Amino acid sequence: MLGDFFTVSYHTAGALAANHSFKFKLPFDASLVFVSAVGSNANDGILDIGSSTAAEAYVKDLAVGDSGTPAVIDEDTEFESDVFPHITAGTIIATVLDYDGAGGTAVQDFTLVLGFTKG
């Protein structure tokens, strides 16, 4: 944690053969201010980030970065609702990776990094 900024990371090694979901919750209020998602190959992966009750509330249909170059969201206007999402303590944060988009090339070596500010 750097001041009130911290990251949460998720990684899957190898070629994916199914969709992946990653859920967690924080014990304090936070704002999502940064998303970085990448595969090691040219891929058709699509990422959604939201809550357990609204799957696309924060990020909708983010094309995963290709060949080691991450797709990045770091401006408030790039998130759904054009603001940095404020997430209340105890909210289940849900990420869902469609590993091959609409039947395209599967993601390999997927890495996701989420950046938050506390409060």
N, C-alpha and C. Protein backbone atom coordinates (compact mmCIF):
# COMPACT_ATOMS: atom_id res chain seq x y z
N MET A 1 0.84 -1.17 0.00
CA MET A 1 0.00 0.00 0.00
C MET A 1 0.88 1.23 0.00
N LEU A 2 0.60 2.15 -0.87
CA LEU A 2 1.35 3.39 -0.98
C LEU A 2 0.42 4.52 -0.58
N GLY A 3 0.56 5.02 0.67
CA GLY A 3 -0.41 5.99 1.17
C GLY A 3 -1.76 5.33 1.22
N ASP A 4 -2.74 5.91 0.56
CA ASP A 4 -4.08 5.33 0.51
C ASP A 4 -4.32 4.59 -0.80
N PHE A 5 -3.27 4.34 -1.59
CA PHE A 5 -3.39 3.61 -2.86
C PHE A 5 -2.90 2.18 -2.66
N PHE A 6 -3.65 1.21 -3.21
CA PHE A 6 -3.22 -0.18 -3.14
C PHE A 6 -3.72 -0.92 -4.38
N THR A 7 -3.12 -2.08 -4.64
CA THR A 7 -3.51 -2.88 -5.79
C THR A 7 -3.96 -4.27 -5.37
N VAL A 8 -4.78 -4.87 -6.22
CA VAL A 8 -5.19 -6.26 -6.10
C VAL A 8 -4.87 -6.90 -7.43
N SER A 9 -4.15 -8.03 -7.41
CA SER A 9 -3.72 -8.68 -8.64
C SER A 9 -4.30 -10.08 -8.75
N TYR A 10 -4.46 -10.53 -9.99
CA TYR A 10 -4.96 -11.87 -10.29
C TYR A 10 -4.24 -12.36 -11.53
N HIS A 11 -3.76 -13.62 -11.51
CA HIS A 11 -3.04 -14.17 -12.66
C HIS A 11 -3.42 -15.62 -12.88
N THR A 12 -3.57 -16.00 -14.13
CA THR A 12 -3.77 -17.40 -14.49
C THR A 12 -2.71 -17.76 -15.51
N ALA A 13 -2.01 -18.84 -15.27
CA ALA A 13 -0.93 -19.27 -16.18
C ALA A 13 -1.47 -20.22 -17.23
N GLY A 14 -0.89 -20.15 -18.42
CA GLY A 14 -1.23 -21.06 -19.50
C GLY A 14 -2.40 -20.56 -20.34
N ALA A 15 -2.78 -21.39 -21.30
CA ALA A 15 -3.90 -21.07 -22.19
C ALA A 15 -5.20 -21.40 -21.47
N LEU A 16 -6.13 -20.46 -21.46
CA LEU A 16 -7.39 -20.67 -20.78
C LEU A 16 -8.35 -21.46 -21.67
N ALA A 17 -9.16 -22.29 -21.04
CA ALA A 17 -10.13 -23.11 -21.76
C ALA A 17 -11.55 -22.84 -21.31
N ALA A 18 -11.72 -21.87 -20.41
CA ALA A 18 -13.05 -21.52 -19.89
C ALA A 18 -13.00 -20.10 -19.34
N ASN A 19 -14.18 -19.53 -19.13
CA ASN A 19 -14.26 -18.21 -18.52
C ASN A 19 -13.75 -18.27 -17.08
N HIS A 20 -13.27 -17.15 -16.59
CA HIS A 20 -12.78 -17.07 -15.22
C HIS A 20 -13.50 -15.95 -14.48
N SER A 21 -13.80 -16.20 -13.22
CA SER A 21 -14.34 -15.14 -12.37
C SER A 21 -13.48 -15.05 -11.12
N PHE A 22 -13.38 -13.85 -10.61
CA PHE A 22 -12.53 -13.56 -9.45
C PHE A 22 -13.34 -12.61 -8.59
N LYS A 23 -13.64 -12.99 -7.37
CA LYS A 23 -14.47 -12.18 -6.47
C LYS A 23 -13.74 -11.96 -5.16
N PHE A 24 -13.96 -10.78 -4.61
CA PHE A 24 -13.39 -10.44 -3.32
C PHE A 24 -14.14 -9.25 -2.75
N LYS A 25 -13.93 -8.95 -1.48
CA LYS A 25 -14.50 -7.74 -0.90
C LYS A 25 -13.47 -7.09 0.01
N LEU A 26 -13.66 -5.80 0.21
CA LEU A 26 -12.75 -5.01 1.02
C LEU A 26 -13.44 -4.63 2.33
N PRO A 27 -12.68 -4.50 3.42
CA PRO A 27 -13.28 -4.17 4.71
C PRO A 27 -13.48 -2.66 4.92
N PHE A 28 -13.25 -1.87 3.88
CA PHE A 28 -13.39 -0.41 3.98
C PHE A 28 -13.85 0.12 2.63
N ASP A 29 -14.37 1.35 2.61
CA ASP A 29 -14.76 2.00 1.36
C ASP A 29 -13.52 2.25 0.51
N ALA A 30 -13.70 2.17 -0.81
CA ALA A 30 -12.60 2.43 -1.73
C ALA A 30 -13.15 2.88 -3.07
N SER A 31 -12.27 3.50 -3.86
CA SER A 31 -12.61 3.87 -5.24
C SER A 31 -11.68 3.13 -6.19
N LEU A 32 -12.26 2.56 -7.24
CA LEU A 32 -11.48 1.89 -8.28
C LEU A 32 -10.96 2.96 -9.22
N VAL A 33 -9.63 3.09 -9.34
CA VAL A 33 -9.05 4.18 -10.14
C VAL A 33 -8.15 3.70 -11.26
N PHE A 34 -7.93 2.37 -11.36
CA PHE A 34 -6.98 1.86 -12.35
C PHE A 34 -7.30 0.40 -12.63
N VAL A 35 -7.31 0.04 -13.90
CA VAL A 35 -7.46 -1.35 -14.32
C VAL A 35 -6.42 -1.63 -15.40
N SER A 36 -5.70 -2.73 -15.27
CA SER A 36 -4.75 -3.18 -16.28
C SER A 36 -5.02 -4.66 -16.52
N ALA A 37 -5.25 -5.03 -17.79
CA ALA A 37 -5.55 -6.42 -18.13
C ALA A 37 -4.80 -6.82 -19.38
N VAL A 38 -4.17 -8.00 -19.35
CA VAL A 38 -3.33 -8.40 -20.48
C VAL A 38 -3.21 -9.91 -20.58
N GLY A 39 -3.05 -10.38 -21.81
CA GLY A 39 -2.67 -11.76 -22.09
C GLY A 39 -1.31 -11.75 -22.76
N SER A 40 -0.64 -12.89 -22.75
CA SER A 40 0.68 -12.96 -23.37
C SER A 40 0.61 -13.14 -24.88
N ASN A 41 -0.58 -13.39 -25.40
CA ASN A 41 -0.76 -13.64 -26.83
C ASN A 41 -1.75 -12.65 -27.44
N ALA A 42 -1.87 -12.65 -28.76
CA ALA A 42 -2.95 -11.92 -29.43
C ALA A 42 -4.22 -12.70 -29.12
N ASN A 43 -5.21 -12.05 -28.48
CA ASN A 43 -6.38 -12.77 -27.98
C ASN A 43 -7.65 -11.96 -28.15
N ASP A 44 -8.78 -12.60 -27.86
CA ASP A 44 -10.08 -11.95 -27.97
C ASP A 44 -10.79 -11.88 -26.63
N GLY A 45 -10.03 -11.93 -25.53
CA GLY A 45 -10.62 -11.90 -24.20
C GLY A 45 -11.34 -10.59 -23.92
N ILE A 46 -12.45 -10.69 -23.17
CA ILE A 46 -13.26 -9.53 -22.78
C ILE A 46 -13.45 -9.56 -21.27
N LEU A 47 -13.27 -8.42 -20.61
CA LEU A 47 -13.35 -8.32 -19.16
C LEU A 47 -14.48 -7.41 -18.73
N ASP A 48 -15.25 -7.87 -17.74
CA ASP A 48 -16.26 -7.05 -17.07
C ASP A 48 -15.92 -6.99 -15.59
N ILE A 49 -16.15 -5.82 -14.98
CA ILE A 49 -15.92 -5.65 -13.55
C ILE A 49 -17.13 -4.94 -12.96
N GLY A 50 -17.62 -5.49 -11.88
CA GLY A 50 -18.77 -4.88 -11.21
C GLY A 50 -18.92 -5.45 -9.82
N SER A 51 -20.16 -5.52 -9.38
CA SER A 51 -20.46 -6.11 -8.08
C SER A 51 -21.20 -7.43 -8.31
N SER A 52 -21.46 -8.14 -7.22
CA SER A 52 -22.17 -9.42 -7.37
C SER A 52 -23.60 -9.21 -7.83
N THR A 53 -24.13 -8.00 -7.71
CA THR A 53 -25.50 -7.72 -8.15
C THR A 53 -25.57 -6.96 -9.47
N ALA A 54 -24.45 -6.41 -9.93
CA ALA A 54 -24.40 -5.66 -11.20
C ALA A 54 -23.05 -5.93 -11.86
N ALA A 55 -22.99 -6.97 -12.67
CA ALA A 55 -21.73 -7.50 -13.19
C ALA A 55 -20.91 -6.53 -14.02
N GLU A 56 -21.54 -5.54 -14.65
CA GLU A 56 -20.82 -4.60 -15.52
C GLU A 56 -20.88 -3.17 -14.98
N ALA A 57 -21.06 -3.02 -13.69
CA ALA A 57 -21.27 -1.70 -13.11
C ALA A 57 -20.06 -0.77 -13.20
N TYR A 58 -18.86 -1.32 -13.19
CA TYR A 58 -17.65 -0.49 -13.16
C TYR A 58 -16.93 -0.46 -14.51
N VAL A 59 -16.76 -1.63 -15.13
CA VAL A 59 -16.10 -1.75 -16.43
C VAL A 59 -16.91 -2.74 -17.27
N LYS A 60 -17.19 -2.35 -18.51
CA LYS A 60 -17.99 -3.21 -19.39
C LYS A 60 -17.23 -3.46 -20.69
N ASP A 61 -17.07 -4.75 -21.01
CA ASP A 61 -16.52 -5.18 -22.30
C ASP A 61 -15.14 -4.61 -22.62
N LEU A 62 -14.23 -4.66 -21.65
CA LEU A 62 -12.86 -4.23 -21.89
C LEU A 62 -12.12 -5.31 -22.66
N ALA A 63 -11.62 -4.97 -23.85
CA ALA A 63 -10.80 -5.91 -24.62
C ALA A 63 -9.46 -6.06 -23.91
N VAL A 64 -9.13 -7.29 -23.55
CA VAL A 64 -7.88 -7.58 -22.85
C VAL A 64 -6.71 -7.24 -23.77
N GLY A 65 -5.65 -6.70 -23.19
CA GLY A 65 -4.47 -6.35 -23.96
C GLY A 65 -3.82 -7.57 -24.59
N ASP A 66 -3.13 -7.34 -25.69
CA ASP A 66 -2.52 -8.41 -26.48
C ASP A 66 -1.00 -8.44 -26.35
N SER A 67 -0.45 -9.63 -26.45
CA SER A 67 0.99 -9.87 -26.61
C SER A 67 1.83 -9.11 -25.58
N GLY A 68 1.36 -9.09 -24.33
CA GLY A 68 2.11 -8.46 -23.26
C GLY A 68 1.93 -6.96 -23.12
N THR A 69 1.09 -6.34 -23.96
CA THR A 69 0.81 -4.91 -23.84
C THR A 69 -0.57 -4.74 -23.21
N PRO A 70 -0.63 -4.30 -21.94
CA PRO A 70 -1.90 -4.24 -21.23
C PRO A 70 -2.88 -3.21 -21.79
N ALA A 71 -4.16 -3.56 -21.71
CA ALA A 71 -5.23 -2.57 -21.87
C ALA A 71 -5.35 -1.89 -20.52
N VAL A 72 -5.44 -0.56 -20.52
CA VAL A 72 -5.44 0.20 -19.27
C VAL A 72 -6.62 1.16 -19.24
N ILE A 73 -7.28 1.20 -18.08
CA ILE A 73 -8.29 2.21 -17.80
C ILE A 73 -7.77 2.99 -16.60
N ASP A 74 -7.59 4.29 -16.76
CA ASP A 74 -7.08 5.09 -15.65
C ASP A 74 -7.64 6.52 -15.63
N GLU A 75 -8.62 6.79 -16.45
CA GLU A 75 -9.31 8.08 -16.45
C GLU A 75 -10.74 7.86 -15.99
N ASP A 76 -11.28 8.81 -15.21
CA ASP A 76 -12.63 8.63 -14.70
C ASP A 76 -13.65 8.39 -15.81
N THR A 77 -13.50 9.04 -16.95
CA THR A 77 -14.46 8.93 -18.04
C THR A 77 -14.41 7.57 -18.74
N GLU A 78 -13.41 6.75 -18.46
CA GLU A 78 -13.29 5.44 -19.08
C GLU A 78 -14.09 4.36 -18.32
N PHE A 79 -14.53 4.67 -17.11
CA PHE A 79 -15.34 3.74 -16.33
C PHE A 79 -16.81 3.95 -16.68
N GLU A 80 -17.64 2.94 -16.39
CA GLU A 80 -19.07 3.10 -16.58
C GLU A 80 -19.54 4.26 -15.70
N SER A 81 -20.51 5.00 -16.14
CA SER A 81 -21.05 6.18 -15.45
C SER A 81 -20.09 7.35 -15.45
N ASP A 82 -18.95 7.24 -16.16
CA ASP A 82 -17.99 8.34 -16.31
C ASP A 82 -17.45 8.89 -15.00
N VAL A 83 -17.32 8.04 -14.00
CA VAL A 83 -16.71 8.42 -12.72
C VAL A 83 -15.89 7.24 -12.20
N PHE A 84 -14.90 7.53 -11.34
CA PHE A 84 -14.21 6.44 -10.65
C PHE A 84 -15.24 5.77 -9.74
N PRO A 85 -15.45 4.47 -9.87
CA PRO A 85 -16.46 3.80 -9.05
C PRO A 85 -16.12 3.84 -7.57
N HIS A 86 -17.06 4.31 -6.76
CA HIS A 86 -16.91 4.28 -5.30
C HIS A 86 -17.58 3.01 -4.82
N ILE A 87 -16.86 2.22 -4.04
CA ILE A 87 -17.33 0.92 -3.62
C ILE A 87 -17.39 0.91 -2.09
N THR A 88 -18.56 0.63 -1.55
CA THR A 88 -18.72 0.65 -0.10
C THR A 88 -18.15 -0.63 0.52
N ALA A 89 -17.73 -0.51 1.76
CA ALA A 89 -17.15 -1.65 2.49
C ALA A 89 -18.09 -2.84 2.43
N GLY A 90 -17.53 -4.02 2.19
CA GLY A 90 -18.31 -5.24 2.18
C GLY A 90 -18.96 -5.60 0.86
N THR A 91 -18.90 -4.70 -0.11
CA THR A 91 -19.44 -5.01 -1.44
C THR A 91 -18.61 -6.11 -2.08
N ILE A 92 -19.26 -7.09 -2.66
CA ILE A 92 -18.53 -8.14 -3.38
C ILE A 92 -18.15 -7.59 -4.75
N ILE A 93 -16.86 -7.45 -4.98
CA ILE A 93 -16.34 -6.98 -6.27
C ILE A 93 -16.15 -8.21 -7.14
N ALA A 94 -16.74 -8.18 -8.33
CA ALA A 94 -16.73 -9.35 -9.20
C ALA A 94 -16.09 -9.00 -10.54
N THR A 95 -15.11 -9.78 -10.94
CA THR A 95 -14.53 -9.64 -12.27
C THR A 95 -14.84 -10.92 -13.04
N VAL A 96 -15.20 -10.75 -14.31
CA VAL A 96 -15.51 -11.90 -15.15
C VAL A 96 -14.75 -11.75 -16.46
N LEU A 97 -13.95 -12.75 -16.77
CA LEU A 97 -13.19 -12.77 -18.00
C LEU A 97 -13.84 -13.76 -18.97
N ASP A 98 -14.32 -13.26 -20.10
CA ASP A 98 -14.74 -14.13 -21.21
C ASP A 98 -13.45 -14.47 -21.94
N TYR A 99 -12.96 -15.65 -21.74
CA TYR A 99 -11.60 -16.03 -22.14
C TYR A 99 -11.33 -15.94 -23.64
N ASP A 100 -12.39 -16.01 -24.47
CA ASP A 100 -12.17 -15.97 -25.92
C ASP A 100 -13.15 -15.05 -26.65
N GLY A 101 -13.72 -14.10 -25.92
CA GLY A 101 -14.68 -13.20 -26.56
C GLY A 101 -15.84 -13.99 -27.13
N ALA A 102 -16.18 -13.76 -28.36
CA ALA A 102 -17.28 -14.48 -29.02
C ALA A 102 -16.74 -15.66 -29.82
N GLY A 103 -15.97 -16.51 -29.17
CA GLY A 103 -15.44 -17.69 -29.84
C GLY A 103 -14.17 -17.45 -30.61
N GLY A 104 -13.42 -16.41 -30.24
CA GLY A 104 -12.15 -16.11 -30.91
C GLY A 104 -10.99 -16.85 -30.27
N THR A 105 -9.85 -16.18 -30.19
CA THR A 105 -8.64 -16.77 -29.64
C THR A 105 -8.62 -16.64 -28.12
N ALA A 106 -8.36 -17.74 -27.44
CA ALA A 106 -8.32 -17.76 -25.98
C ALA A 106 -7.12 -16.99 -25.44
N VAL A 107 -7.32 -16.37 -24.29
CA VAL A 107 -6.25 -15.65 -23.60
C VAL A 107 -5.25 -16.65 -23.03
N GLN A 108 -3.98 -16.32 -23.12
CA GLN A 108 -2.92 -17.09 -22.46
C GLN A 108 -2.25 -16.20 -21.42
N ASP A 109 -1.89 -16.80 -20.30
CA ASP A 109 -1.16 -16.09 -19.24
C ASP A 109 -1.82 -14.76 -18.90
N PHE A 110 -3.07 -14.81 -18.49
CA PHE A 110 -3.85 -13.61 -18.19
C PHE A 110 -3.42 -12.99 -16.87
N THR A 111 -3.24 -11.67 -16.87
CA THR A 111 -2.92 -10.92 -15.66
C THR A 111 -3.85 -9.73 -15.54
N LEU A 112 -4.40 -9.53 -14.35
CA LEU A 112 -5.28 -8.41 -14.04
C LEU A 112 -4.74 -7.69 -12.82
N VAL A 113 -4.65 -6.37 -12.90
CA VAL A 113 -4.25 -5.55 -11.75
C VAL A 113 -5.30 -4.47 -11.59
N LEU A 114 -5.86 -4.37 -10.38
CA LEU A 114 -6.85 -3.35 -10.05
C LEU A 114 -6.21 -2.39 -9.06
N GLY A 115 -6.33 -1.10 -9.30
CA GLY A 115 -5.78 -0.09 -8.40
C GLY A 115 -6.91 0.64 -7.69
N PHE A 116 -6.78 0.81 -6.38
CA PHE A 116 -7.80 1.44 -5.56
C PHE A 116 -7.22 2.56 -4.71
N THR A 117 -8.04 3.51 -4.34
CA THR A 117 -7.73 4.45 -3.28
C THR A 117 -8.69 4.18 -2.14
N LYS A 118 -8.17 4.19 -0.94
CA LYS A 118 -9.00 3.92 0.24
C LYS A 118 -9.83 5.14 0.57
N GLY A 119 -11.06 4.88 0.99
CA GLY A 119 -11.93 5.97 1.44
C GLY A 119 -13.11 6.23 0.56
